[in-house]
């Protein structure tokens, strides 16, 4: 995108010609390419510059390298390109306690592509929690992103004050509504301007839900939903003491609900009640994942427990739990839900234990600099092209180092097909229904991409699937919603049509399959990457599949000129 080509000298080969055609080749670098065209003739000269966005369709990869380094010891971290992948960003985190990788989760949250309201609120919670522990460059980016996420969040509020999971939905999602308010309050506490009208409507919705709540008596974390709602009202300085007391006395209250309700009591200044509720509880929960009601997992719930321990003043126990949690967290595939609550909990712990200065010597590209911080966490950006960095611990105690490198295979690199719990296939058909090859398509041709996703697990229903169908740069998506209303029996919960992709969000029962049809058109001549089509469970990333990438050529045949 940064390379320029001099095409001076192109001329009309004949007086009857009116079009000059020339080729452009993209580099491996993402960005904005500028093409300047100058036409001269008859004593006149006209110049026009066109900006063309150059993107890499391959997925972003985050690689994290971790080490504990004793006083005076040194470690060298290397992050070479793998299979030609280019490192786009690298950051180093050094902490005096076993913290999570704040820069790594920033990179995950800032680049996350899906935009349901849970994900907007989760990203906002993550960024407000970790902002003060990021490198200066990432901190400045977070300052820009947080107001944008707040604005997007406001657009999802319904007349009753709750928040819809997807735009256009008529009813609010109660867990997501609690998260929306949680994000707004954390943002306000960090100095961001939050709409008072939106907050007022949200409080009204929360209070009505508190009054209407009934215990279902089954393990679907319905009680956690109520406890979290009461926690958010306590944060908003509008606690419902009566509802809190009633929930506390509810028979069979889950461990998750007890820990979250205890946090609400702490916020209202009643730590003795909180400690009584949790004194005999272990900081663990049964293993589970993917409950649609709260988007939760056992990892998410342990993060909530750590936050409660910090609020109760049981810092030593919180630190002990954080040691095993940070190891567990580093080995998991991120989800927005888990990252958000882990960020809030570990940021609270960092503030509470912020009494150990951190000092380290960092050497990269032959240059050495000192990192000093009165806090127990310090962060710095690294030169992506360096490929290695040496860290020497100059602190009095051990430090925990995490290096995160964000990379992406070159656009020309092949992506292999893969499947885990899901199957996927794509068939291309002309408008007459006949199968066509995507490898060579005439300019102006309209066709249908039929994408079939199969839940290969015979026993597990999947409720939060996201299918991302990226298209080659030479094709464009035909948006049928501009001409006809959306079909309610389309098989998806929400469809997000963008310039370069269509995303389908849907549920899929055990053993079933669904097919989505996307109308497209071959528009620009040339040879382009045919990106991989992928599908994943947004809250259980191990359940995923993708097709192999390829190439497609849009030819001049049948172009009509």
Foldseek 3Di string as FASTA:
>chain_A
DPDDDDPPDQDDPDPPDDDDDDDDDDDLDWDKDKDKDWDDDPHDIDIDIDIDGDDFQFDKDKDKDKDWAWAQGKDKDFDDDDQQWFFPWKKKKKFPALAADLVRVLVCLVPPDDDFLLSLLLSLLSCLLCLVQEAPVSNVVSVVVNVVSLVVQLQQADPQLAGPRDPPDHDHQLLSLLSNLVSQLSCVVSPDDHDPVSNVSSVSNLVVCLVPQDDPPDPLCSLLSNLSSQLSCLSVVNHDVVSLVVSLPDPPHFPLSLLSSLNSCLSVPNLVVSCVSPVPPDLFHDADADRPSNNDGRLQSSLSNLQSCLSSVVLVSSSVSVVVSSVVVVPDDDFSSNSSSNSNNSSSSQVSPQQFKFWKWKDFPRDIDIDTDSGRMHMHIDDSPRRMMMITGNGNGMMMMMMMTMIGRRSPDKDAWDFDQKDKDKFKAFPVRHTDDQAEAAAFGKIKIKMKMWRAAQQDKAFWKKKKQFAWPQKFFDPCCVPDPDDPVQQFPDWDDDGGIIMTTHIGGHGDMDIHMTMMGRHDFDKTKRDKIKMARSSRRSGIIIHMIDMHGHHNPPNPD
